[in-house]
PDB file of N, CA and C in Angstrom:
ATOM      1  N   ARG A   1      14.222   3.425  31.089  1.00  0.00           N
ATOM      2  CA  ARG A   1      14.672   2.360  32.062  1.00  0.00           C
ATOM      3  C   ARG A   1      14.342   2.267  33.039  1.00  0.00           C
ATOM      4  N   GLU A   2      13.424   3.208  33.500  1.00  0.00           N
ATOM      5  CA  GLU A   2      13.557   3.277  35.566  1.00  0.00           C
ATOM      6  C   GLU A   2      12.273   1.866  35.768  1.00  0.00           C
ATOM      7  N   HIS A   3      11.831   1.286  34.326  1.00  0.00           N
ATOM      8  CA  HIS A   3      10.707   0.403  34.454  1.00  0.00           C
ATOM      9  C   HIS A   3      11.617  -0.967  33.959  1.00  0.00           C
ATOM     10  N   GLY A   4      12.802  -1.015  33.684  1.00  0.00           N
ATOM     11  CA  GLY A   4      13.158  -1.841  33.386  1.00  0.00           C
ATOM     12  C   GLY A   4      13.636  -2.116  31.688  1.00  0.00           C
ATOM     13  N   CYS A   5      12.855  -1.548  31.267  1.00  0.00           N
ATOM     14  CA  CYS A   5      12.626  -1.016  29.497  1.00  0.00           C
ATOM     15  C   CYS A   5      14.327  -1.021  28.655  1.00  0.00           C
ATOM     16  N   GLN A   6      14.727  -0.907  28.082  1.00  0.00           N
ATOM     17  CA  GLN A   6      16.137  -1.297  27.119  1.00  0.00           C
ATOM     18  C   GLN A   6      15.316  -1.027  25.478  1.00  0.00           C
ATOM     19  N   LEU A   7      16.053  -0.726  24.839  1.00  0.00           N
ATOM     20  CA  LEU A   7      16.248  -0.103  23.657  1.00  0.00           C
ATOM     21  C   LEU A   7      16.379  -1.520  22.976  1.00  0.00           C
ATOM     22  N   LEU A   8      15.744  -2.233  22.165  1.00  0.00           N
ATOM     23  CA  LEU A   8      16.154  -3.275  21.248  1.00  0.00           C
ATOM     24  C   LEU A   8      16.626  -2.792  20.055  1.00  0.00           C
ATOM     25  N   GLU A   9      16.256  -2.297  19.212  1.00  0.00           N
ATOM     26  CA  GLU A   9      16.390  -1.743  17.898  1.00  0.00           C
ATOM     27  C   GLU A   9      16.413  -0.150  17.234  1.00  0.00           C
ATOM     28  N   GLU A  10      17.366   0.326  16.905  1.00  0.00           N
ATOM     29  CA  GLU A  10      16.832   1.880  16.280  1.00  0.00           C
ATOM     30  C   GLU A  10      16.924   1.706  15.035  1.00  0.00           C
ATOM     31  N   GLY A  11      16.072   2.454  14.291  1.00  0.00           N
ATOM     32  CA  GLY A  11      15.483   3.085  12.842  1.00  0.00           C
ATOM     33  C   GLY A  11      15.611   3.878  12.352  1.00  0.00           C
ATOM     34  N   ASP A  12      15.067   4.464  11.717  1.00  0.00           N
ATOM     35  CA  ASP A  12      15.974   5.298  10.985  1.00  0.00           C
ATOM     36  C   ASP A  12      14.695   6.583  11.424  1.00  0.00           C
ATOM     37  N   THR A  13      13.186   6.152  11.881  1.00  0.00           N
ATOM     38  CA  THR A  13      12.055   6.992  12.523  1.00  0.00           C
ATOM     39  C   THR A  13      11.580   6.484  13.503  1.00  0.00           C
ATOM     40  N   HIS A  14      11.962   5.325  13.438  1.00  0.00           N
ATOM     41  CA  HIS A  14      10.935   4.713  15.188  1.00  0.00           C
ATOM     42  C   HIS A  14      12.155   3.647  15.941  1.00  0.00           C
ATOM     43  N   SER A  15      12.216   3.479  17.115  1.00  0.00           N
ATOM     44  CA  SER A  15      12.839   2.747  17.703  1.00  0.00           C
ATOM     45  C   SER A  15      11.682   2.037  18.224  1.00  0.00           C
ATOM     46  N   ILE A  16      12.757   0.315  18.544  1.00  0.00           N
ATOM     47  CA  ILE A  16      12.069  -0.037  19.677  1.00  0.00           C
ATOM     48  C   ILE A  16      12.228  -0.897  20.807  1.00  0.00           C
ATOM     49  N   SER A  17      11.221  -0.177  21.730  1.00  0.00           N
ATOM     50  CA  SER A  17      11.589  -0.638  23.508  1.00  0.00           C
ATOM     51  C   SER A  17      11.659  -2.098  23.412  1.00  0.00           C
ATOM     52  N   PHE A  18      12.016  -2.282  24.746  1.00  0.00           N
ATOM     53  CA  PHE A  18      11.330  -4.414  24.965  1.00  0.00           C
ATOM     54  C   PHE A  18      11.434  -4.211  26.725  1.00  0.00           C
ATOM     55  N   ASN A  19      10.727  -4.439  27.467  1.00  0.00           N
ATOM     56  CA  ASN A  19      10.645  -4.617  28.517  1.00  0.00           C
ATOM     57  C   ASN A  19      10.490  -6.447  28.882  1.00  0.00           C
ATOM     58  N   PRO A  20      11.684  -6.684  29.280  1.00  0.00           N
ATOM     59  CA  PRO A  20      12.302  -7.979  29.368  1.00  0.00           C
ATOM     60  C   PRO A  20      11.377  -8.611  30.636  1.00  0.00           C
ATOM     61  N   ASP A  21      11.202  -7.852  31.620  1.00  0.00           N
ATOM     62  CA  ASP A  21      10.231  -8.589  32.893  1.00  0.00           C
ATOM     63  C   ASP A  21       9.253  -9.607  32.094  1.00  0.00           C
ATOM     64  N   LYS A  22       8.685  -8.625  31.561  1.00  0.00           N
ATOM     65  CA  LYS A  22       6.522  -8.620  30.459  1.00  0.00           C
ATOM     66  C   LYS A  22       7.240  -9.164  29.385  1.00  0.00           C
ATOM     67  N   LYS A  23       8.164  -9.325  28.915  1.00  0.00           N
ATOM     68  CA  LYS A  23       8.441  -9.645  27.311  1.00  0.00           C
ATOM     69  C   LYS A  23       7.565  -9.025  26.312  1.00  0.00           C
ATOM     70  N   LEU A  24       7.696  -7.707  26.732  1.00  0.00           N
ATOM     71  CA  LEU A  24       6.503  -7.042  26.118  1.00  0.00           C
ATOM     72  C   LEU A  24       7.304  -5.906  24.579  1.00  0.00           C
ATOM     73  N   THR A  25       7.219  -5.687  23.625  1.00  0.00           N
ATOM     74  CA  THR A  25       7.564  -4.497  22.962  1.00  0.00           C
ATOM     75  C   THR A  25       6.810  -3.295  22.477  1.00  0.00           C
ATOM     76  N   ALA A  26       7.263  -2.292  22.464  1.00  0.00           N
ATOM     77  CA  ALA A  26       6.543  -1.433  21.473  1.00  0.00           C
ATOM     78  C   ALA A  26       7.606  -0.711  20.115  1.00  0.00           C
ATOM     79  N   THR A  27       6.791   0.168  19.994  1.00  0.00           N
ATOM     80  CA  THR A  27       7.715   0.792  19.239  1.00  0.00           C
ATOM     81  C   THR A  27       7.331   2.206  19.123  1.00  0.00           C
ATOM     82  N   VAL A  28       8.653   3.051  19.231  1.00  0.00           N
ATOM     83  CA  VAL A  28       8.452   4.537  19.658  1.00  0.00           C
ATOM     84  C   VAL A  28       8.792   5.203  18.393  1.00  0.00           C
ATOM     85  N   PRO A  29       8.500   6.340  18.247  1.00  0.00           N
ATOM     86  CA  PRO A  29       8.678   6.838  16.894  1.00  0.00           C
ATOM     87  C   PRO A  29      10.058   8.090  17.137  1.00  0.00           C
ATOM     88  N   ARG A  30      10.772   8.170  16.714  1.00  0.00           N
ATOM     89  CA  ARG A  30      12.364   9.230  17.234  1.00  0.00           C
ATOM     90  C   ARG A  30      11.457  10.608  17.148  1.00  0.00           C
ATOM     91  N   GLN A  31      10.795  11.222  17.526  1.00  0.00           N
ATOM     92  CA  GLN A  31      10.551  12.934  17.152  1.00  0.00           C
ATOM     93  C   GLN A  31      10.556  13.551  19.052  1.00  0.00           C
ATOM     94  N   THR A  32      10.986  14.783  18.415  1.00  0.00           N
ATOM     95  CA  THR A  32      10.880  15.506  19.607  1.00  0.00           C
ATOM     96  C   THR A  32       9.774  15.609  20.469  1.00  0.00           C
ATOM     97  N   GLU A  33       8.361  15.036  20.347  1.00  0.00           N
ATOM     98  CA  GLU A  33       7.428  15.682  20.826  1.00  0.00           C
ATOM     99  C   GLU A  33       6.416  14.328  20.183  1.00  0.00           C
ATOM    100  N   ILE A  34       5.546  13.800  21.416  1.00  0.00           N
ATOM    101  CA  ILE A  34       4.386  12.868  20.917  1.00  0.00           C
ATOM    102  C   ILE A  34       2.889  13.309  21.672  1.00  0.00           C
ATOM    103  N   SER A  35       2.238  12.567  21.129  1.00  0.00           N
ATOM    104  CA  SER A  35       0.979  13.433  21.735  1.00  0.00           C
ATOM    105  C   SER A  35       0.928  12.196  23.128  1.00  0.00           C
ATOM    106  N   ASP A  36       0.014  12.935  23.852  1.00  0.00           N
ATOM    107  CA  ASP A  36      -0.135  12.570  25.205  1.00  0.00           C
ATOM    108  C   ASP A  36      -1.178  10.989  25.236  1.00  0.00           C
ATOM    109  N   ARG A  37      -1.970  10.621  24.444  1.00  0.00           N
ATOM    110  CA  ARG A  37      -2.242   9.727  23.776  1.00  0.00           C
ATOM    111  C   ARG A  37      -1.413   8.379  23.358  1.00  0.00           C
ATOM    112  N   LEU A  38      -0.392   9.032  22.656  1.00  0.00           N
ATOM    113  CA  LEU A  38       0.673   7.882  21.919  1.00  0.00           C
ATOM    114  C   LEU A  38       1.526   7.542  23.668  1.00  0.00           C
ATOM    115  N   ALA A  39       2.166   8.524  24.431  1.00  0.00           N
ATOM    116  CA  ALA A  39       3.153   7.869  25.064  1.00  0.00           C
ATOM    117  C   ALA A  39       1.950   6.791  25.896  1.00  0.00           C
ATOM    118  N   ALA A  40       1.014   6.974  26.956  1.00  0.00           N
ATOM    119  CA  ALA A  40       0.112   6.186  26.947  1.00  0.00           C
ATOM    120  C   ALA A  40      -0.331   5.061  26.215  1.00  0.00           C
ATOM    121  N   LYS A  41      -0.065   4.494  25.013  1.00  0.00           N
ATOM    122  CA  LYS A  41      -0.474   3.701  24.879  1.00  0.00           C
ATOM    123  C   LYS A  41       1.331   2.755  24.397  1.00  0.00           C
ATOM    124  N   ILE A  42       2.242   3.306  24.881  1.00  0.00           N
ATOM    125  CA  ILE A  42       3.936   3.285  24.293  1.00  0.00           C
ATOM    126  C   ILE A  42       3.856   2.579  25.867  1.00  0.00           C
ATOM    127  N   CYS A  43       3.065   3.566  26.711  1.00  0.00           N
ATOM    128  CA  CYS A  43       3.020   2.590  28.158  1.00  0.00           C
ATOM    129  C   CYS A  43       2.722   1.207  28.612  1.00  0.00           C
ATOM    130  N   LYS A  44       1.263   1.406  27.839  1.00  0.00           N
ATOM    131  CA  LYS A  44       0.470   0.362  28.059  1.00  0.00           C
ATOM    132  C   LYS A  44       0.945  -0.542  27.048  1.00  0.00           C
ATOM    133  N   ASP A  45       1.257  -0.655  26.215  1.00  0.00           N
ATOM    134  CA  ASP A  45       2.144  -1.767  25.361  1.00  0.00           C
ATOM    135  C   ASP A  45       2.942  -2.175  25.961  1.00  0.00           C
ATOM    136  N   LEU A  46       4.176  -1.964  26.549  1.00  0.00           N
ATOM    137  CA  LEU A  46       5.068  -2.120  27.612  1.00  0.00           C
ATOM    138  C   LEU A  46       4.727  -2.888  29.236  1.00  0.00           C
ATOM    139  N   GLY A  47       3.179  -2.624  29.323  1.00  0.00           N
ATOM    140  CA  GLY A  47       2.948  -2.631  30.727  1.00  0.00           C
ATOM    141  C   GLY A  47       3.603  -2.077  31.827  1.00  0.00           C
ATOM    142  N   ILE A  48       4.044  -1.062  31.636  1.00  0.00           N
ATOM    143  CA  ILE A  48       4.301  -0.238  32.603  1.00  0.00           C
ATOM    144  C   ILE A  48       3.219   1.380  32.837  1.00  0.00           C
ATOM    145  N   PRO A  49       3.523   1.719  34.291  1.00  0.00           N
ATOM    146  CA  PRO A  49       2.397   3.055  34.784  1.00  0.00           C
ATOM    147  C   PRO A  49       2.861   4.148  33.584  1.00  0.00           C
ATOM    148  N   GLU A  50       1.300   4.552  32.883  1.00  0.00           N
ATOM    149  CA  GLU A  50       1.491   6.114  32.856  1.00  0.00           C
ATOM    150  C   GLU A  50       2.293   7.240  33.029  1.00  0.00           C
ATOM    151  N   VAL A  51       2.910   7.297  32.183  1.00  0.00           N
ATOM    152  CA  VAL A  51       3.678   8.809  32.749  1.00  0.00           C
ATOM    153  C   VAL A  51       2.970   9.869  32.914  1.00  0.00           C
TER     154      VAL A  51
END
């Protein structure tokens, strides 16, 4: 949200986030923990800086 991303859709196991400024989407697993590598890929897919 800090970078303007929004929740686009929620499924049973994944959510889809959307960056409206860059018109990019990313699929995000609905787990309590994800790997650093996956977090970096999600950020890259959304066009935002890595966390």
